[in-house]
C-alpha atoms as a PDB file:
ATOM      1  CA  MET A   1      -7.054   8.916  12.662  1.00  0.00           C
ATOM      2  CA  HIS A   2      -9.716   7.291  10.716  1.00  0.00           C
ATOM      3  CA  LEU A   3      -8.120   5.192   8.096  1.00  0.00           C
ATOM      4  CA  ILE A   4      -9.140   3.177   5.316  1.00  0.00           C
ATOM      5  CA  ILE A   5      -6.544   0.967   3.711  1.00  0.00           C
ATOM      6  CA  ASP A   6      -6.928   0.000  -0.092  1.00  0.00           C
ATOM      7  CA  THR A   7      -5.049  -3.053  -0.896  1.00  0.00           C
ATOM      8  CA  ASP A   8      -4.511  -5.988  -3.064  1.00  0.00           C
ATOM      9  CA  THR A   9      -3.571  -8.096   0.013  1.00  0.00           C
ATOM     10  CA  ALA A  10      -0.604 -10.306  -0.767  1.00  0.00           C
ATOM     11  CA  GLY A  11       3.207 -10.079   0.358  1.00  0.00           C
ATOM     12  CA  ASP A  12       4.034  -6.980   2.016  1.00  0.00           C
ATOM     13  CA  ASP A  13       0.628  -5.717   1.975  1.00  0.00           C
ATOM     14  CA  VAL A  14       0.065  -8.069   4.883  1.00  0.00           C
ATOM     15  CA  VAL A  15       2.779  -6.609   7.061  1.00  0.00           C
ATOM     16  CA  SER A  16       1.280  -2.879   6.060  1.00  0.00           C
ATOM     17  CA  LEU A  17      -2.379  -4.013   7.309  1.00  0.00           C
ATOM     18  CA  LEU A  18      -0.349  -5.671  10.667  1.00  0.00           C
ATOM     19  CA  LEU A  19       1.319  -2.320  11.461  1.00  0.00           C
ATOM     20  CA  ALA A  20      -2.031  -0.262  11.426  1.00  0.00           C
ATOM     21  CA  LEU A  21      -3.895  -3.170  13.018  1.00  0.00           C
ATOM     22  CA  HIS A  22      -1.430  -3.024  15.925  1.00  0.00           C
ATOM     23  CA  THR A  23      -1.353   0.920  16.334  1.00  0.00           C
ATOM     24  CA  PRO A  24      -4.005   1.395  19.229  1.00  0.00           C
ATOM     25  CA  TRP A  25      -4.878   5.014  18.483  1.00  0.00           C
ATOM     26  CA  VAL A  26      -5.983   4.218  14.610  1.00  0.00           C
ATOM     27  CA  SER A  27      -9.329   3.632  13.797  1.00  0.00           C
ATOM     28  CA  ILE A  28      -9.531   1.338  10.783  1.00  0.00           C
ATOM     29  CA  VAL A  29     -12.769   2.303   9.277  1.00  0.00           C
ATOM     30  CA  GLY A  30     -12.523  -0.539   6.497  1.00  0.00           C
ATOM     31  CA  ILE A  31     -10.258  -2.541   4.186  1.00  0.00           C
ATOM     32  CA  THR A  32     -11.007  -2.037   0.498  1.00  0.00           C
ATOM     33  CA  ILE A  33      -9.670  -4.663  -1.943  1.00  0.00           C
ATOM     34  CA  ASN A  34      -8.510  -3.927  -5.467  1.00  0.00           C
ATOM     35  CA  CYS A  35      -7.370  -6.241  -8.403  1.00  0.00           C
ATOM     36  CA  GLY A  36      -3.668  -6.756  -8.280  1.00  0.00           C
ATOM     37  CA  ASN A  37      -1.169  -8.849  -6.715  1.00  0.00           C
ATOM     38  CA  VAL A  38      -2.979 -12.448  -7.129  1.00  0.00           C
ATOM     39  CA  ALA A  39      -6.495 -13.783  -7.815  1.00  0.00           C
ATOM     40  CA  PHE A  40      -9.202 -11.577  -6.341  1.00  0.00           C
ATOM     41  CA  ASP A  41     -10.746 -13.951  -3.970  1.00  0.00           C
ATOM     42  CA  TYR A  42      -7.195 -14.694  -2.423  1.00  0.00           C
ATOM     43  CA  GLN A  43      -6.804 -11.026  -1.858  1.00  0.00           C
ATOM     44  CA  VAL A  44     -10.034 -10.698   0.157  1.00  0.00           C
ATOM     45  CA  ALA A  45      -9.201 -14.043   2.186  1.00  0.00           C
ATOM     46  CA  ASN A  46      -5.763 -12.715   2.976  1.00  0.00           C
ATOM     47  CA  ALA A  47      -7.161  -9.634   4.388  1.00  0.00           C
ATOM     48  CA  LEU A  48      -9.494 -11.406   6.382  1.00  0.00           C
ATOM     49  CA  LYS A  49      -6.636 -13.789   7.656  1.00  0.00           C
ATOM     50  CA  THR A  50      -4.587 -10.720   8.380  1.00  0.00           C
ATOM     51  CA  ILE A  51      -7.240  -9.266  10.649  1.00  0.00           C
ATOM     52  CA  GLU A  52      -7.796 -12.641  12.614  1.00  0.00           C
ATOM     53  CA  VAL A  53      -3.988 -12.972  13.162  1.00  0.00           C
ATOM     54  CA  ALA A  54      -3.969  -9.424  14.649  1.00  0.00           C
ATOM     55  CA  GLY A  55      -6.619 -10.471  17.011  1.00  0.00           C
ATOM     56  CA  LYS A  56      -9.518  -8.447  15.748  1.00  0.00           C
ATOM     57  CA  ALA A  57     -11.563 -10.770  13.894  1.00  0.00           C
ATOM     58  CA  GLY A  58     -15.039  -9.296  13.108  1.00  0.00           C
ATOM     59  CA  GLN A  59     -13.891  -5.828  14.053  1.00  0.00           C
ATOM     60  CA  VAL A  60     -12.464  -4.532  10.918  1.00  0.00           C
ATOM     61  CA  PRO A  61     -14.882  -4.812   7.498  1.00  0.00           C
ATOM     62  CA  VAL A  62     -13.547  -5.845   4.337  1.00  0.00           C
ATOM     63  CA  TYR A  63     -14.958  -4.638   1.188  1.00  0.00           C
ATOM     64  CA  PRO A  64     -14.228  -6.234  -2.257  1.00  0.00           C
ATOM     65  CA  GLY A  65     -14.169  -3.628  -4.984  1.00  0.00           C
ATOM     66  CA  ALA A  66     -12.640  -3.564  -8.568  1.00  0.00           C
ATOM     67  CA  ARG A  67     -11.824  -7.131  -9.924  1.00  0.00           C
ATOM     68  CA  ASN A  68     -10.185  -5.866 -13.108  1.00  0.00           C
ATOM     69  CA  PRO A  69      -8.575  -2.580 -14.309  1.00  0.00           C
ATOM     70  CA  LEU A  70     -10.344   0.183 -16.067  1.00  0.00           C
ATOM     71  CA  LEU A  71      -9.416  -0.814 -19.658  1.00  0.00           C
ATOM     72  CA  ARG A  72      -6.620  -3.139 -19.612  1.00  0.00           C
ATOM     73  CA  PRO A  73      -6.536  -7.209 -18.794  1.00  0.00           C
ATOM     74  CA  TRP A  74      -5.363  -7.871 -15.330  1.00  0.00           C
ATOM     75  CA  VAL A  75      -1.556  -8.552 -14.665  1.00  0.00           C
ATOM     76  CA  ASN A  76      -0.800 -10.545 -11.661  1.00  0.00           C
ATOM     77  CA  ALA A  77       2.404 -11.047  -9.622  1.00  0.00           C
ATOM     78  CA  ALA A  78       1.974 -14.408  -8.179  1.00  0.00           C
ATOM     79  CA  TYR A  79       5.361 -15.258  -9.380  1.00  0.00           C
ATOM     80  CA  VAL A  80       6.467 -12.773  -6.596  1.00  0.00           C
ATOM     81  CA  HIS A  81       4.202 -13.542  -3.684  1.00  0.00           C
ATOM     82  CA  GLY A  82       3.049 -17.274  -4.488  1.00  0.00           C
ATOM     83  CA  GLU A  83      -0.202 -18.268  -6.029  1.00  0.00           C
ATOM     84  CA  ASP A  84      -2.189 -17.647  -2.672  1.00  0.00           C
ATOM     85  CA  GLY A  85      -0.297 -14.344  -1.834  1.00  0.00           C
ATOM     86  CA  MET A  86       0.773 -15.739   1.431  1.00  0.00           C
ATOM     87  CA  GLY A  87       3.980 -17.255   0.440  1.00  0.00           C
ATOM     88  CA  GLU A  88       2.036 -20.515  -0.338  1.00  0.00           C
ATOM     89  CA  ALA A  89       1.006 -21.144   2.971  1.00  0.00           C
ATOM     90  CA  TRP A  90      -2.590 -21.991   1.900  1.00  0.00           C
ATOM     91  CA  TYR A  91      -4.202 -20.818   5.192  1.00  0.00           C
ATOM     92  CA  PRO A  92      -7.852 -22.279   5.704  1.00  0.00           C
ATOM     93  CA  PRO A  93     -10.749 -19.688   5.316  1.00  0.00           C
ATOM     94  CA  VAL A  94     -11.506 -17.679   8.680  1.00  0.00           C
ATOM     95  CA  SER A  95     -14.832 -17.112  10.132  1.00  0.00           C
ATOM     96  CA  GLN A  96     -15.164 -13.730   9.203  1.00  0.00           C
ATOM     97  CA  THR A  97     -16.741 -12.924   5.761  1.00  0.00           C
ATOM     98  CA  PRO A  98     -16.371  -9.829   3.539  1.00  0.00           C
ATOM     99  CA  GLU A  99     -19.041  -7.253   3.294  1.00  0.00           C
ATOM    100  CA  SER A 100     -21.635  -7.236   0.661  1.00  0.00           C
ATOM    101  CA  GLU A 101     -21.396  -3.404  -0.255  1.00  0.00           C
ATOM    102  CA  HIS A 102     -18.864  -2.738  -2.991  1.00  0.00           C
ATOM    103  CA  ALA A 103     -15.674  -0.850  -2.130  1.00  0.00           C
ATOM    104  CA  VAL A 104     -16.254   2.190  -4.042  1.00  0.00           C
ATOM    105  CA  ALA A 105     -19.780   2.714  -2.601  1.00  0.00           C
ATOM    106  CA  PHE A 106     -18.114   2.384   1.044  1.00  0.00           C
ATOM    107  CA  LEU A 107     -15.302   4.717   0.003  1.00  0.00           C
ATOM    108  CA  LEU A 108     -17.915   7.389  -0.958  1.00  0.00           C
ATOM    109  CA  GLU A 109     -19.974   6.889   2.136  1.00  0.00           C
ATOM    110  CA  ALA A 110     -16.982   6.939   4.339  1.00  0.00           C
ATOM    111  CA  SER A 111     -15.557  10.161   2.990  1.00  0.00           C
ATOM    112  CA  ARG A 112     -19.043  11.802   3.708  1.00  0.00           C
ATOM    113  CA  ARG A 113     -19.211  10.308   7.141  1.00  0.00           C
ATOM    114  CA  TYR A 114     -15.703  11.440   7.852  1.00  0.00           C
ATOM    115  CA  ALA A 115     -15.320  14.400   5.740  1.00  0.00           C
ATOM    116  CA  GLY A 116     -11.787  16.316   6.397  1.00  0.00           C
ATOM    117  CA  ASP A 117     -10.908  13.464   8.902  1.00  0.00           C
ATOM    118  CA  LEU A 118     -10.285  10.537   6.861  1.00  0.00           C
ATOM    119  CA  VAL A 119      -6.873   9.182   5.722  1.00  0.00           C
ATOM    120  CA  ILE A 120      -6.582   6.577   2.853  1.00  0.00           C
ATOM    121  CA  VAL A 121      -3.531   4.585   2.260  1.00  0.00           C
ATOM    122  CA  ALA A 122      -3.430   3.012  -1.237  1.00  0.00           C
ATOM    123  CA  GLN A 123      -1.152   0.263  -1.559  1.00  0.00           C
ATOM    124  CA  ALA A 124      -2.642  -1.320  -4.823  1.00  0.00           C
ATOM    125  CA  PRO A 125      -3.612  -0.254  -8.487  1.00  0.00           C
ATOM    126  CA  LEU A 126      -5.814   2.803  -7.903  1.00  0.00           C
ATOM    127  CA  THR A 127      -8.874   1.292  -9.602  1.00  0.00           C
ATOM    128  CA  ASN A 128     -11.243   1.589  -6.653  1.00  0.00           C
ATOM    129  CA  LEU A 129     -10.172   5.220  -6.101  1.00  0.00           C
ATOM    130  CA  ALA A 130     -10.475   6.131  -9.899  1.00  0.00           C
ATOM    131  CA  LEU A 131     -13.975   5.028  -9.776  1.00  0.00           C
ATOM    132  CA  ALA A 132     -14.834   6.882  -6.825  1.00  0.00           C
ATOM    133  CA  VAL A 133     -13.609  10.063  -8.493  1.00  0.00           C
ATOM    134  CA  ARG A 134     -15.468   9.385 -11.492  1.00  0.00           C
ATOM    135  CA  GLN A 135     -18.706   8.824  -9.414  1.00  0.00           C
ATOM    136  CA  ASP A 136     -18.091  11.737  -7.356  1.00  0.00           C
ATOM    137  CA  PRO A 137     -15.570  14.146  -8.123  1.00  0.00           C
ATOM    138  CA  GLU A 138     -15.733  15.982  -4.660  1.00  0.00           C
ATOM    139  CA  PHE A 139     -14.508  12.599  -3.118  1.00  0.00           C
ATOM    140  CA  ALA A 140     -10.974  13.606  -3.335  1.00  0.00           C
ATOM    141  CA  HIS A 141     -11.633  16.875  -1.392  1.00  0.00           C
ATOM    142  CA  ARG A 142     -13.422  15.154   1.475  1.00  0.00           C
ATOM    143  CA  VAL A 143     -10.358  12.978   2.034  1.00  0.00           C
ATOM    144  CA  SER A 144      -7.864  14.473   4.501  1.00  0.00           C
ATOM    145  CA  HIS A 145      -4.716  12.792   3.076  1.00  0.00           C
ATOM    146  CA  LEU A 146      -4.110  10.092   0.425  1.00  0.00           C
ATOM    147  CA  TRP A 147      -1.069   8.050   0.595  1.00  0.00           C
ATOM    148  CA  VAL A 148      -0.313   6.299  -2.519  1.00  0.00           C
ATOM    149  CA  MET A 149       2.512   3.519  -2.706  1.00  0.00           C
ATOM    150  CA  GLY A 150       3.100   3.582  -6.349  1.00  0.00           C
ATOM    151  CA  GLY A 151       5.414   5.009  -9.077  1.00  0.00           C
ATOM    152  CA  SER A 152       9.130   5.946  -8.980  1.00  0.00           C
ATOM    153  CA  ALA A 153      10.687   9.568  -8.915  1.00  0.00           C
ATOM    154  CA  ASN A 154      11.858   9.030 -12.602  1.00  0.00           C
ATOM    155  CA  ALA A 155      13.917   6.237 -11.416  1.00  0.00           C
ATOM    156  CA  VAL A 156      13.900   2.371 -11.520  1.00  0.00           C
ATOM    157  CA  GLY A 157      10.727   0.320 -11.828  1.00  0.00           C
ATOM    158  CA  ASN A 158       9.803  -3.009 -10.706  1.00  0.00           C
ATOM    159  CA  ILE A 159       7.930  -4.449 -13.744  1.00  0.00           C
ATOM    160  CA  GLU A 160       9.181  -2.604 -16.513  1.00  0.00           C
ATOM    161  CA  PRO A 161      12.533  -0.421 -16.586  1.00  0.00           C
ATOM    162  CA  LEU A 162      10.643   2.685 -15.570  1.00  0.00           C
ATOM    163  CA  SER A 163       7.287   1.230 -14.475  1.00  0.00           C
ATOM    164  CA  GLU A 164       6.123   0.177 -10.871  1.00  0.00           C
ATOM    165  CA  TYR A 165       3.568  -2.573 -10.638  1.00  0.00           C
ATOM    166  CA  ASN A 166       0.711  -0.687  -9.079  1.00  0.00           C
ATOM    167  CA  PHE A 167       0.679   2.074 -11.728  1.00  0.00           C
ATOM    168  CA  TYR A 168       1.417  -0.438 -14.498  1.00  0.00           C
ATOM    169  CA  VAL A 169      -1.665  -2.698 -13.881  1.00  0.00           C
ATOM    170  CA  ASP A 170      -3.948   0.315 -14.123  1.00  0.00           C
ATOM    171  CA  PRO A 171      -2.203   3.342 -15.542  1.00  0.00           C
ATOM    172  CA  GLU A 172      -5.625   4.954 -16.719  1.00  0.00           C
ATOM    173  CA  ALA A 173      -6.771   4.642 -12.950  1.00  0.00           C
ATOM    174  CA  ALA A 174      -3.568   6.204 -11.733  1.00  0.00           C
ATOM    175  CA  ALA A 175      -3.716   9.046 -14.343  1.00  0.00           C
ATOM    176  CA  ILE A 176      -7.396   9.811 -12.947  1.00  0.00           C
ATOM    177  CA  VAL A 177      -6.449  10.061  -9.329  1.00  0.00           C
ATOM    178  CA  PHE A 178      -3.438  12.040  -9.881  1.00  0.00           C
ATOM    179  CA  GLN A 179      -5.727  14.594 -11.943  1.00  0.00           C
ATOM    180  CA  ALA A 180      -8.250  14.654  -9.118  1.00  0.00           C
ATOM    181  CA  HIS A 181      -6.813  17.013  -6.699  1.00  0.00           C
ATOM    182  CA  PHE A 182      -6.376  14.948  -3.578  1.00  0.00           C
ATOM    183  CA  ASN A 183      -4.070  16.039  -0.691  1.00  0.00           C
ATOM    184  CA  MET A 184      -1.460  13.285  -1.674  1.00  0.00           C
ATOM    185  CA  THR A 185       1.861  11.794  -0.954  1.00  0.00           C
ATOM    186  CA  MET A 186       3.428   9.558  -3.522  1.00  0.00           C
ATOM    187  CA  VAL A 187       5.846   6.930  -2.070  1.00  0.00           C
ATOM    188  CA  GLY A 188       7.877   5.489  -4.986  1.00  0.00           C
ATOM    189  CA  TRP A 189       9.458   2.365  -5.564  1.00  0.00           C
ATOM    190  CA  ASP A 190      12.812   4.135  -5.671  1.00  0.00           C
ATOM    191  CA  VAL A 191      12.657   5.102  -2.097  1.00  0.00           C
ATOM    192  CA  CYS A 192      11.035   1.830  -0.928  1.00  0.00           C
ATOM    193  CA  LEU A 193      13.960  -0.024  -2.507  1.00  0.00           C
ATOM    194  CA  GLU A 194      16.473   2.122  -0.747  1.00  0.00           C
ATOM    195  CA  SER A 195      14.757   2.278   2.584  1.00  0.00           C
ATOM    196  CA  SER A 196      12.498  -0.782   3.071  1.00  0.00           C
ATOM    197  CA  VAL A 197      14.667  -3.870   2.395  1.00  0.00           C
ATOM    198  CA  LEU A 198      15.170  -6.192   5.357  1.00  0.00           C
ATOM    199  CA  ASN A 199      18.361  -8.059   4.979  1.00  0.00           C
ATOM    200  CA  ASP A 200      19.483 -11.615   5.818  1.00  0.00           C
ATOM    201  CA  ALA A 201      20.601 -10.034   9.290  1.00  0.00           C
ATOM    202  CA  ASP A 202      17.337  -8.388   9.710  1.00  0.00           C
ATOM    203  CA  LEU A 203      15.254 -11.702   8.897  1.00  0.00           C
ATOM    204  CA  ALA A 204      17.623 -13.440  11.439  1.00  0.00           C
ATOM    205  CA  GLU A 205      16.626 -11.129  14.077  1.00  0.00           C
ATOM    206  CA  ILE A 206      13.019 -11.626  12.981  1.00  0.00           C
ATOM    207  CA  GLU A 207      13.407 -15.671  13.388  1.00  0.00           C
ATOM    208  CA  ARG A 208      15.096 -15.063  16.761  1.00  0.00           C
ATOM    209  CA  LEU A 209      11.860 -13.479  17.923  1.00  0.00           C
ATOM    210  CA  ASP A 210       9.851 -16.534  17.496  1.00  0.00           C
ATOM    211  CA  THR A 211       6.352 -14.880  18.379  1.00  0.00           C
ATOM    212  CA  PRO A 212       3.276 -15.785  16.511  1.00  0.00           C
ATOM    213  CA  LEU A 213       3.398 -12.468  14.583  1.00  0.00           C
ATOM    214  CA  SER A 214       7.229 -12.962  13.427  1.00  0.00           C
ATOM    215  CA  ARG A 215       6.461 -16.623  12.256  1.00  0.00           C
ATOM    216  CA  PHE A 216       3.452 -15.121  10.292  1.00  0.00           C
ATOM    217  CA  PHE A 217       5.629 -12.818   9.008  1.00  0.00           C
ATOM    218  CA  LEU A 218       8.432 -15.133   7.764  1.00  0.00           C
ATOM    219  CA  GLN A 219       5.706 -17.509   6.146  1.00  0.00           C
ATOM    220  CA  THR A 220       4.022 -14.782   4.225  1.00  0.00           C
ATOM    221  CA  GLN A 221       7.204 -13.293   2.876  1.00  0.00           C
ATOM    222  CA  ARG A 222       8.909 -16.476   1.781  1.00  0.00           C
ATOM    223  CA  LYS A 223       8.105 -16.594  -1.748  1.00  0.00           C
ATOM    224  CA  THR A 224       9.156 -12.812  -2.107  1.00  0.00           C
ATOM    225  CA  ARG A 225      12.398 -13.487  -0.446  1.00  0.00           C
ATOM    226  CA  GLU A 226      13.016 -16.096  -2.905  1.00  0.00           C
ATOM    227  CA  PHE A 227      12.011 -14.134  -5.945  1.00  0.00           C
ATOM    228  CA  ASN A 228      14.063 -11.149  -4.698  1.00  0.00           C
ATOM    229  CA  ARG A 229      17.047 -13.084  -4.916  1.00  0.00           C
ATOM    230  CA  THR A 230      16.842 -13.726  -8.500  1.00  0.00           C
ATOM    231  CA  GLN A 231      16.695  -9.976  -8.834  1.00  0.00           C
ATOM    232  CA  GLY A 232      19.682  -9.370  -6.745  1.00  0.00           C
ATOM    233  CA  ILE A 233      17.868  -8.076  -3.646  1.00  0.00           C
ATOM    234  CA  LEU A 234      19.086  -9.958  -0.762  1.00  0.00           C
ATOM    235  CA  GLY A 235      16.101  -9.706   1.560  1.00  0.00           C
ATOM    236  CA  THR A 236      12.226  -8.804   1.626  1.00  0.00           C
ATOM    237  CA  THR A 237      11.012  -5.822   0.302  1.00  0.00           C
ATOM    238  CA  HIS A 238       8.201  -3.626   2.069  1.00  0.00           C
ATOM    239  CA  PRO A 239       7.018  -0.663  -0.039  1.00  0.00           C
ATOM    240  CA  ASP A 240       3.368  -0.947   1.399  1.00  0.00           C
ATOM    241  CA  SER A 241       4.566  -1.151   4.982  1.00  0.00           C
ATOM    242  CA  LEU A 242       6.946   1.728   4.662  1.00  0.00           C
ATOM    243  CA  THR A 243       4.164   3.755   3.118  1.00  0.00           C
ATOM    244  CA  MET A 244       1.878   2.868   6.057  1.00  0.00           C
ATOM    245  CA  ALA A 245       4.759   3.511   8.601  1.00  0.00           C
ATOM    246  CA  MET A 246       5.108   7.251   6.812  1.00  0.00           C
ATOM    247  CA  ALA A 247       1.305   7.769   7.479  1.00  0.00           C
ATOM    248  CA  LEU A 248       1.404   6.703  10.930  1.00  0.00           C
ATOM    249  CA  ASP A 249       4.723   8.394  11.739  1.00  0.00           C
ATOM    250  CA  PRO A 250       5.386  11.266   9.474  1.00  0.00           C
ATOM    251  CA  THR A 251       8.998  11.669  10.777  1.00  0.00           C
ATOM    252  CA  ILE A 252       9.918   8.641   8.548  1.00  0.00           C
ATOM    253  CA  LEU A 253       9.483  10.719   5.553  1.00  0.00           C
ATOM    254  CA  THR A 254      12.932  12.637   5.711  1.00  0.00           C
ATOM    255  CA  LYS A 255      12.734  14.299   2.352  1.00  0.00           C
ATOM    256  CA  SER A 256      10.126  15.159   0.204  1.00  0.00           C
ATOM    257  CA  ALA A 257       9.061  17.933  -2.446  1.00  0.00           C
ATOM    258  CA  PRO A 258       5.767  19.117  -4.104  1.00  0.00           C
ATOM    259  CA  TYR A 259       5.776  18.216  -7.890  1.00  0.00           C
ATOM    260  CA  PHE A 260       3.590  17.789 -11.044  1.00  0.00           C
ATOM    261  CA  VAL A 261       3.090  13.831 -11.622  1.00  0.00           C
ATOM    262  CA  THR A 262       1.629  12.555 -14.675  1.00  0.00           C
ATOM    263  CA  ILE A 263       1.044   8.908 -15.488  1.00  0.00           C
ATOM    264  CA  GLU A 264       2.281   7.604 -19.101  1.00  0.00           C
ATOM    265  CA  THR A 265      -0.638   5.599 -20.497  1.00  0.00           C
ATOM    266  CA  GLN A 266       0.417   5.494 -24.082  1.00  0.00           C
ATOM    267  CA  GLY A 267       4.276   4.595 -24.066  1.00  0.00           C
ATOM    268  CA  LEU A 268       5.373   1.437 -25.714  1.00  0.00           C
ATOM    269  CA  HIS A 269       7.993   0.727 -23.116  1.00  0.00           C
ATOM    270  CA  THR A 270       6.822   3.205 -20.187  1.00  0.00           C
ATOM    271  CA  ARG A 271       3.310   1.952 -19.432  1.00  0.00           C
ATOM    272  CA  GLY A 272       2.194   3.199 -15.921  1.00  0.00           C
ATOM    273  CA  THR A 273       5.615   5.419 -15.672  1.00  0.00           C
ATOM    274  CA  SER A 274       5.198   8.208 -12.902  1.00  0.00           C
ATOM    275  CA  VAL A 275       6.682  11.045 -14.848  1.00  0.00           C
ATOM    276  CA  VAL A 276       7.705  13.555 -11.888  1.00  0.00           C
ATOM    277  CA  ASP A 277       8.196  17.083 -13.229  1.00  0.00           C
ATOM    278  CA  ARG A 278      11.295  17.954 -11.196  1.00  0.00           C
ATOM    279  CA  LEU A 279      12.328  20.784 -13.322  1.00  0.00           C
ATOM    280  CA  GLY A 280       8.980  22.409 -14.085  1.00  0.00           C
ATOM    281  CA  ASP A 281       9.248  21.953 -17.662  1.00  0.00           C
ATOM    282  CA  LEU A 282       5.436  21.004 -17.964  1.00  0.00           C
ATOM    283  CA  GLY A 283       4.068  24.091 -16.654  1.00  0.00           C
ATOM    284  CA  HIS A 284       1.876  22.623 -14.232  1.00  0.00           C
ATOM    285  CA  GLU A 285       1.123  23.387 -10.574  1.00  0.00           C
ATOM    286  CA  PRO A 286       2.209  20.492  -8.172  1.00  0.00           C
ATOM    287  CA  ASN A 287      -0.347  17.673  -7.655  1.00  0.00           C
ATOM    288  CA  ALA A 288       1.433  15.438  -5.194  1.00  0.00           C
ATOM    289  CA  ARG A 289       4.050  15.633  -2.424  1.00  0.00           C
ATOM    290  CA  VAL A 290       6.848  13.125  -3.811  1.00  0.00           C
ATOM    291  CA  SER A 291       8.796  10.965  -1.304  1.00  0.00           C
ATOM    292  CA  LEU A 292      12.705  11.335  -1.878  1.00  0.00           C
ATOM    293  CA  GLN A 293      14.177   9.999   1.225  1.00  0.00           C
ATOM    294  CA  ALA A 294      13.050   7.974   4.115  1.00  0.00           C
ATOM    295  CA  ASN A 295      14.428   6.834   7.595  1.00  0.00           C
ATOM    296  CA  GLY A 296      14.720   3.097   7.056  1.00  0.00           C
ATOM    297  CA  THR A 297      16.462   2.635  10.316  1.00  0.00           C
ATOM    298  CA  ARG A 298      13.428   3.786  12.202  1.00  0.00           C
ATOM    299  CA  PHE A 299      10.904   1.882   9.909  1.00  0.00           C
ATOM    300  CA  LYS A 300      12.613  -1.217  10.616  1.00  0.00           C
ATOM    301  CA  ARG A 301      12.608  -0.585  14.407  1.00  0.00           C
ATOM    302  CA  ILE A 302       8.907   0.095  14.429  1.00  0.00           C
ATOM    303  CA  LEU A 303       8.184  -3.241  12.308  1.00  0.00           C
ATOM    304  CA  MET A 304      10.845  -5.152  14.784  1.00  0.00           C
ATOM    305  CA  ASP A 305       8.872  -3.994  17.667  1.00  0.00           C
ATOM    306  CA  MET A 306       5.377  -4.839  16.379  1.00  0.00           C
ATOM    307  CA  LEU A 307       6.559  -8.381  15.604  1.00  0.00           C
ATOM    308  CA  ALA A 308       8.091  -8.763  18.927  1.00  0.00           C
ATOM    309  CA  THR A 309       5.484  -7.224  21.270  1.00  0.00           C
ATOM    310  CA  GLY A 310       2.058  -7.074  19.216  1.00  0.00           C
ATOM    311  CA  SER A 311       2.153  -2.999  19.267  1.00  0.00           C
ATOM    312  CA  THR A 312       3.717  -0.465  17.476  1.00  0.00           C
ATOM    313  CA  PRO A 313       5.857   2.169  19.374  1.00  0.00           C
ATOM    314  CA  ILE A 314       4.333   5.110  17.280  1.00  0.00           C
ATOM    315  CA  ALA A 315       2.422   7.951  19.353  1.00  0.00           C
ATOM    316  CA  PRO A 316      -0.411   9.691  18.295  1.00  0.00           C
ATOM    317  CA  PRO A 317       0.012  12.672  16.065  1.00  0.00           C
ATOM    318  CA  SER A 318       0.167  15.882  18.211  1.00  0.00           C
ATOM    319  CA  GLY A 319      -0.747  18.162  15.083  1.00  0.00           C
ATOM    320  CA  GLY A 320      -3.782  16.320  13.913  1.00  0.00           C
ATOM    321  CA  ILE A 321      -3.952  14.302  10.730  1.00  0.00           C
ATOM    322  CA  ARG A 322      -1.428  14.734   7.964  1.00  0.00           C
END
């Protein structure tokens, strides 16, 4: 699998990167950085640090991209992940430096180089991808599969009642991407809240592992765990990691359906809400596969194995790239 990860590296984004970096048969072509969770330069530094922790310093390039949403002021989530995005660990800079090429230029070039054989996992606001579509509408058709962590299937949000953070930050970008005819799977906050939470017992198990990866995990998730308690969530949340796990192991996605999805850009209380037309009332053909259920038990086992051994137990796909 030739993989690009588009990320706003903080909190669970870090864990998602670790899953991909520790799956031997995955070729990570590059990591692209998009405005999102915390200050942009911290996001770049966090991606570089995670690559180093995975033992692959200098082997995976990092491309800085959009520093701001298309039309709106940036909204950060440092209150969730800590100011540095790493649980306020304040790790020193690493030796690897980011690439000078802009993420959007890289996305377009890579989509040509690996046309029909490129998977993108997008776990940030969708500004980089929207800009790539605007520059070259054929970009969407060259991508084998786009996995999007964002939105919610007409269910609860995590920044406003019906709005998930990634789509809320740049709803116009999300609207462009959903209109671009990608072969796409949307993994919403609703499924992630149901199937990706590591509870106190899970976190105690991770503490007992006492490996370099488990210690890194616990540090980077520290502030998120504290924030979640204020929201009634007893544990850490892993929407990006669940999405990555699905991309690597499709058996984790246990129920899905094709629907037409549109993104609300005008609503007073529904900015960035993903409207999933489950009844077919809007009269449009489906433009995304929408996740409805996931195997949380298998997801947790894969994550635990990676933290314990430094390798995921995921076998390469026998039927080609999803």
